[in-house]
Amino acid sequence: MGDRIKGVIFDNDNTLAKVYPGPKGYWLNVFSTTVKELGGSLPAGREEEYMLAYYSEKDFSARLKELGLSGGREAFQAAKMEVDARLRLALIQEGKSHFFPDAVELIRYLDRKGIRFGVATFTSRLVVMAAFDRVPGLPRPAGIFGWEDSREKKLEKPDPRIARIVLEQMGVKPENAMMVGDRLTDVELGNRSGMISCLLKREDEDGPLVKVMEREIDEIRGNLSRVEDFDKVPDFQVSGLAELIPIIEGF
């Protein structure tokens, strides 16, 4: 027992790292800064409305014109990711963005056991590695897929090709690997790739979203008409990364 798992792939944001002190305020700042740096202008009091249009992808091309911007969503997203990386790096240097203690504990455990780990995220590689650099002696990932890779290869979660890329870097087969993340897209990525999947539920961070995900999982399990969504159902659910240690030991 305990020798099946040879590798673990983690999501980054809210799984390994607390990347912003207040999610809503942080992303609104990123969005507003991006619009301003691209030469656009946000109507006062409607900043959140336009930000939600971007994330929901509803008529955002038309919204861009309203903001005085001529580029498409892809160009805006590229600029937004640059702003995001810059602001996050500043938060890391200020100590406001950091690894969760249970992430450090689990990574050190994996290192002692000779289990490789990787990161699959839509966050910049620079940001991911900067957080590692802040923890003395913390092992580095054997594989990584960041937003730069997503942009270059036109891949986003839960596309299983992302997992295959990271697993190849790690030298681990999917049947010997576990995918861990805090969103159902992470669970889908793991299941569609033939990996063991685990949903991390940080209630202190995500609050109501945890209940929303739990309800969706229960609905899928209890409704045969949603069999096409079964990839969203995790093999395991945990409230902290340290809970994965006995699970890994049990394989």
Protein backbone atom coordinates (compact mmCIF):
# COMPACT_ATOMS: atom_id res chain seq x y z
CA MET A 1 0.00 0.00 0.00
CA GLY A 2 1.10 3.57 -0.61
CA ASP A 3 3.19 3.07 -3.75
CA ARG A 4 0.69 3.70 -6.57
CA ILE A 5 0.88 7.50 -6.52
CA LYS A 6 4.03 8.65 -8.30
CA GLY A 7 2.97 12.20 -9.04
CA VAL A 8 0.55 14.97 -8.09
CA ILE A 9 -0.55 17.92 -10.21
CA PHE A 10 -1.83 20.98 -8.35
CA ASP A 11 -3.83 23.97 -9.39
CA ASN A 12 -2.08 27.09 -8.07
CA ASP A 13 -4.57 29.81 -7.12
CA ASN A 14 -6.31 29.07 -3.83
CA THR A 15 -4.90 25.53 -3.88
CA LEU A 16 -1.20 26.01 -3.27
CA ALA A 17 -1.17 29.75 -2.85
CA LYS A 18 -3.26 32.55 -1.41
CA VAL A 19 -2.60 34.94 -4.24
CA TYR A 20 -4.66 37.96 -3.22
CA PRO A 21 -5.92 39.32 0.09
CA GLY A 22 -9.42 40.00 -1.26
CA PRO A 23 -10.48 38.25 -4.52
CA LYS A 24 -13.27 40.58 -5.65
CA GLY A 25 -11.36 43.78 -4.96
CA TYR A 26 -8.20 42.36 -6.45
CA TRP A 27 -9.75 41.31 -9.77
CA LEU A 28 -11.62 44.60 -10.06
CA ASN A 29 -8.31 46.40 -9.64
CA VAL A 30 -6.68 44.19 -12.30
CA PHE A 31 -9.55 44.81 -14.72
CA SER A 32 -9.66 48.57 -14.15
CA THR A 33 -5.88 48.89 -14.43
CA THR A 34 -5.89 46.94 -17.70
CA VAL A 35 -8.56 49.15 -19.24
CA LYS A 36 -6.67 52.28 -18.18
CA GLU A 37 -3.29 51.06 -19.45
CA LEU A 38 -4.81 50.15 -22.81
CA GLY A 39 -6.11 53.70 -23.12
CA GLY A 40 -9.76 53.01 -22.32
CA SER A 41 -12.10 54.55 -19.79
CA LEU A 42 -14.53 52.83 -17.39
CA PRO A 43 -17.81 54.64 -16.59
CA ALA A 44 -17.85 55.56 -12.92
CA GLY A 45 -19.88 53.15 -10.82
CA ARG A 46 -20.07 50.52 -13.58
CA GLU A 47 -16.64 48.95 -13.16
CA GLU A 48 -18.01 45.67 -11.79
CA GLU A 49 -20.62 45.43 -14.54
CA TYR A 50 -17.95 45.54 -17.23
CA MET A 51 -15.68 43.16 -15.36
CA LEU A 52 -18.48 40.58 -15.09
CA ALA A 53 -19.14 40.96 -18.82
CA TYR A 54 -15.52 40.02 -19.44
CA TYR A 55 -15.57 36.94 -17.23
CA SER A 56 -18.95 35.76 -18.55
CA GLU A 57 -17.82 36.46 -22.14
CA LYS A 58 -21.23 38.00 -22.84
CA ASP A 59 -21.01 40.61 -25.61
CA PHE A 60 -17.60 41.67 -24.37
CA SER A 61 -16.38 42.67 -27.84
CA ALA A 62 -19.17 45.26 -27.96
CA ARG A 63 -18.37 46.30 -24.40
CA LEU A 64 -14.74 46.89 -25.39
CA LYS A 65 -15.84 49.43 -27.96
CA GLU A 66 -17.92 51.16 -25.30
CA LEU A 67 -14.74 51.46 -23.25
CA GLY A 68 -12.89 53.00 -26.19
CA LEU A 69 -10.80 49.90 -26.92
CA SER A 70 -10.38 48.50 -30.43
CA GLY A 71 -8.71 45.15 -29.71
CA GLY A 72 -10.61 41.90 -29.22
CA ARG A 73 -11.06 39.79 -26.11
CA GLU A 74 -7.86 37.82 -26.71
CA ALA A 75 -5.74 40.99 -26.85
CA PHE A 76 -7.47 42.32 -23.73
CA GLN A 77 -6.88 39.05 -21.92
CA ALA A 78 -3.18 39.08 -22.78
CA ALA A 79 -2.85 42.61 -21.40
CA LYS A 80 -4.86 41.66 -18.30
CA MET A 81 -2.56 38.74 -17.58
CA GLU A 82 0.46 41.02 -17.76
CA VAL A 83 -1.15 43.38 -15.27
CA ASP A 84 -2.15 40.44 -13.07
CA ALA A 85 1.40 39.07 -13.04
CA ARG A 86 2.87 42.46 -12.12
CA LEU A 87 0.40 43.08 -9.29
CA ARG A 88 0.77 39.55 -7.91
CA LEU A 89 4.54 39.74 -7.91
CA ALA A 90 4.26 42.92 -5.88
CA LEU A 91 1.91 41.21 -3.39
CA ILE A 92 4.35 38.30 -3.05
CA GLN A 93 7.24 40.64 -2.33
CA GLU A 94 5.10 42.43 0.26
CA GLY A 95 4.25 39.12 1.92
CA LYS A 96 0.53 39.55 1.21
CA SER A 97 0.49 36.63 -1.23
CA HIS A 98 1.97 33.34 -0.08
CA PHE A 99 1.74 29.57 0.08
CA PHE A 100 -0.79 28.07 2.44
CA PRO A 101 0.94 26.25 5.34
CA ASP A 102 -0.74 22.96 4.40
CA ALA A 103 0.64 23.30 0.86
CA VAL A 104 4.18 23.59 2.23
CA GLU A 105 3.56 20.59 4.49
CA LEU A 106 2.26 18.43 1.64
CA ILE A 107 5.01 19.41 -0.78
CA ARG A 108 7.68 18.52 1.78
CA TYR A 109 5.91 15.20 2.38
CA LEU A 110 5.88 14.44 -1.35
CA ASP A 111 9.56 15.27 -1.56
CA ARG A 112 10.41 12.89 1.30
CA LYS A 113 8.43 10.14 -0.39
CA GLY A 114 10.02 10.72 -3.78
CA ILE A 115 6.67 11.66 -5.30
CA ARG A 116 6.97 14.23 -8.08
CA PHE A 117 4.60 17.14 -8.36
CA GLY A 118 3.64 19.68 -10.97
CA VAL A 119 1.43 22.75 -11.39
CA ALA A 120 -1.31 23.36 -13.97
CA THR A 121 -2.64 26.89 -13.74
CA PHE A 122 -3.78 29.94 -15.67
CA THR A 123 -1.36 31.98 -13.56
CA SER A 124 1.96 33.23 -14.90
CA ARG A 125 4.94 30.92 -14.40
CA LEU A 126 6.82 33.90 -12.94
CA VAL A 127 4.19 34.31 -10.23
CA VAL A 128 4.13 30.60 -9.39
CA MET A 129 7.91 30.38 -9.07
CA ALA A 130 8.16 33.64 -7.13
CA ALA A 131 5.96 32.11 -4.43
CA PHE A 132 8.24 29.05 -4.28
CA ASP A 133 11.26 31.33 -3.93
CA ARG A 134 9.76 32.87 -0.78
CA VAL A 135 9.87 29.53 1.08
CA PRO A 136 13.49 28.54 1.84
CA GLY A 137 14.34 25.04 0.71
CA LEU A 138 10.92 24.28 -0.74
CA PRO A 139 11.23 21.73 -3.60
CA ARG A 140 10.40 23.06 -7.07
CA PRO A 141 7.79 21.51 -9.38
CA ALA A 142 8.96 18.88 -11.86
CA GLY A 143 6.40 20.12 -14.38
CA ILE A 144 4.42 23.29 -14.96
CA PHE A 145 1.77 24.63 -17.33
CA GLY A 146 1.14 28.36 -16.92
CA TRP A 147 -0.88 31.03 -18.65
CA GLU A 148 1.95 31.60 -21.12
CA ASP A 149 1.57 27.98 -22.23
CA SER A 150 -2.20 28.32 -22.34
CA ARG A 151 -1.91 31.34 -24.62
CA GLU A 152 0.69 29.73 -26.88
CA LYS A 153 -1.05 26.36 -27.21
CA LYS A 154 -4.64 27.68 -27.07
CA LEU A 155 -5.50 25.30 -24.23
CA GLU A 156 -7.59 25.91 -21.11
CA LYS A 157 -8.84 23.66 -18.34
CA PRO A 158 -10.34 21.08 -18.42
CA ASP A 159 -8.61 20.11 -21.68
CA PRO A 160 -6.80 16.83 -20.86
CA ARG A 161 -3.88 17.81 -23.07
CA ILE A 162 -2.80 20.17 -20.29
CA ALA A 163 -2.42 17.27 -17.87
CA ARG A 164 -0.60 15.19 -20.47
CA ILE A 165 1.94 17.97 -20.98
CA VAL A 166 2.66 18.29 -17.25
CA LEU A 167 2.73 14.52 -16.69
CA GLU A 168 5.23 14.12 -19.52
CA GLN A 169 7.46 16.74 -17.90
CA MET A 170 7.15 14.86 -14.61
CA GLY A 171 7.75 11.46 -16.18
CA VAL A 172 4.60 10.03 -14.58
CA LYS A 173 1.72 8.03 -16.10
CA PRO A 174 -1.84 9.32 -15.53
CA GLU A 175 -2.90 6.13 -13.73
CA ASN A 176 -0.16 6.84 -11.18
CA ALA A 177 -1.09 10.49 -10.67
CA MET A 178 -3.53 12.67 -8.76
CA MET A 179 -5.03 16.02 -9.77
CA VAL A 180 -5.80 18.45 -6.93
CA GLY A 181 -7.62 21.76 -7.30
CA ASP A 182 -10.29 24.00 -5.83
CA ARG A 183 -12.60 24.17 -8.85
CA LEU A 184 -14.65 21.60 -10.74
CA THR A 185 -12.63 22.36 -13.87
CA ASP A 186 -9.62 20.93 -12.00
CA VAL A 187 -11.64 17.83 -11.17
CA GLU A 188 -12.70 17.52 -14.81
CA LEU A 189 -9.12 17.87 -15.94
CA GLY A 190 -8.05 15.04 -13.67
CA ASN A 191 -10.91 12.71 -14.55
CA ARG A 192 -10.68 13.31 -18.28
CA SER A 193 -6.95 12.59 -18.11
CA GLY A 194 -7.31 9.26 -16.31
CA MET A 195 -5.96 10.59 -13.03
CA ILE A 196 -7.33 10.33 -9.50
CA SER A 197 -9.18 13.58 -8.80
CA CYS A 198 -9.50 15.56 -5.59
CA LEU A 199 -11.52 18.70 -4.90
CA LEU A 200 -10.01 21.02 -2.30
CA LYS A 201 -12.67 23.01 -0.44
CA ARG A 202 -11.18 26.01 1.37
CA GLU A 203 -14.29 27.40 3.03
CA ASP A 204 -12.35 30.22 4.68
CA GLU A 205 -11.36 31.41 1.22
CA ASP A 206 -14.29 30.46 -1.03
CA GLY A 207 -17.23 30.63 1.35
CA PRO A 208 -20.55 30.11 -0.50
CA LEU A 209 -18.83 28.74 -3.61
CA VAL A 210 -17.99 25.54 -1.72
CA LYS A 211 -21.69 24.89 -1.11
CA VAL A 212 -22.48 25.61 -4.75
CA MET A 213 -19.92 23.02 -5.89
CA GLU A 214 -21.15 20.47 -3.35
CA ARG A 215 -24.74 20.89 -4.57
CA GLU A 216 -23.70 20.47 -8.20
CA ILE A 217 -21.76 17.30 -7.38
CA ASP A 218 -24.76 15.86 -5.51
CA GLU A 219 -27.10 16.76 -8.38
CA ILE A 220 -24.86 15.04 -10.92
CA ARG A 221 -24.60 11.92 -8.76
CA GLY A 222 -28.36 11.74 -8.34
CA ASN A 223 -29.40 12.49 -11.91
CA LEU A 224 -28.69 9.97 -14.68
CA SER A 225 -29.62 12.58 -17.27
CA ARG A 226 -26.42 14.41 -16.31
CA VAL A 227 -24.13 11.47 -16.98
CA GLU A 228 -22.16 13.68 -19.39
CA ASP A 229 -21.18 15.83 -16.38
CA PHE A 230 -19.82 12.95 -14.33
CA ASP A 231 -16.25 14.10 -14.98
CA LYS A 232 -17.02 16.92 -12.55
CA VAL A 233 -17.43 14.45 -9.68
CA PRO A 234 -14.19 14.08 -7.69
CA ASP A 235 -12.85 10.82 -6.32
CA PHE A 236 -12.05 12.64 -3.08
CA GLN A 237 -13.02 15.88 -1.35
CA VAL A 238 -10.85 17.49 1.33
CA SER A 239 -10.88 20.73 3.30
CA GLY A 240 -7.09 20.96 3.57
CA LEU A 241 -4.09 19.60 1.68
CA ALA A 242 -2.70 17.75 4.69
CA GLU A 243 -5.75 15.46 4.45
CA LEU A 244 -4.25 14.08 1.25
CA ILE A 245 -1.36 12.42 3.09
CA PRO A 246 -3.37 9.44 4.43
CA ILE A 247 -5.20 9.20 1.09
CA ILE A 248 -1.92 8.91 -0.79
CA GLU A 249 -0.63 6.46 1.80
CA GLY A 250 -3.70 4.34 1.20
CA PHE A 251 -3.00 3.74 -2.46
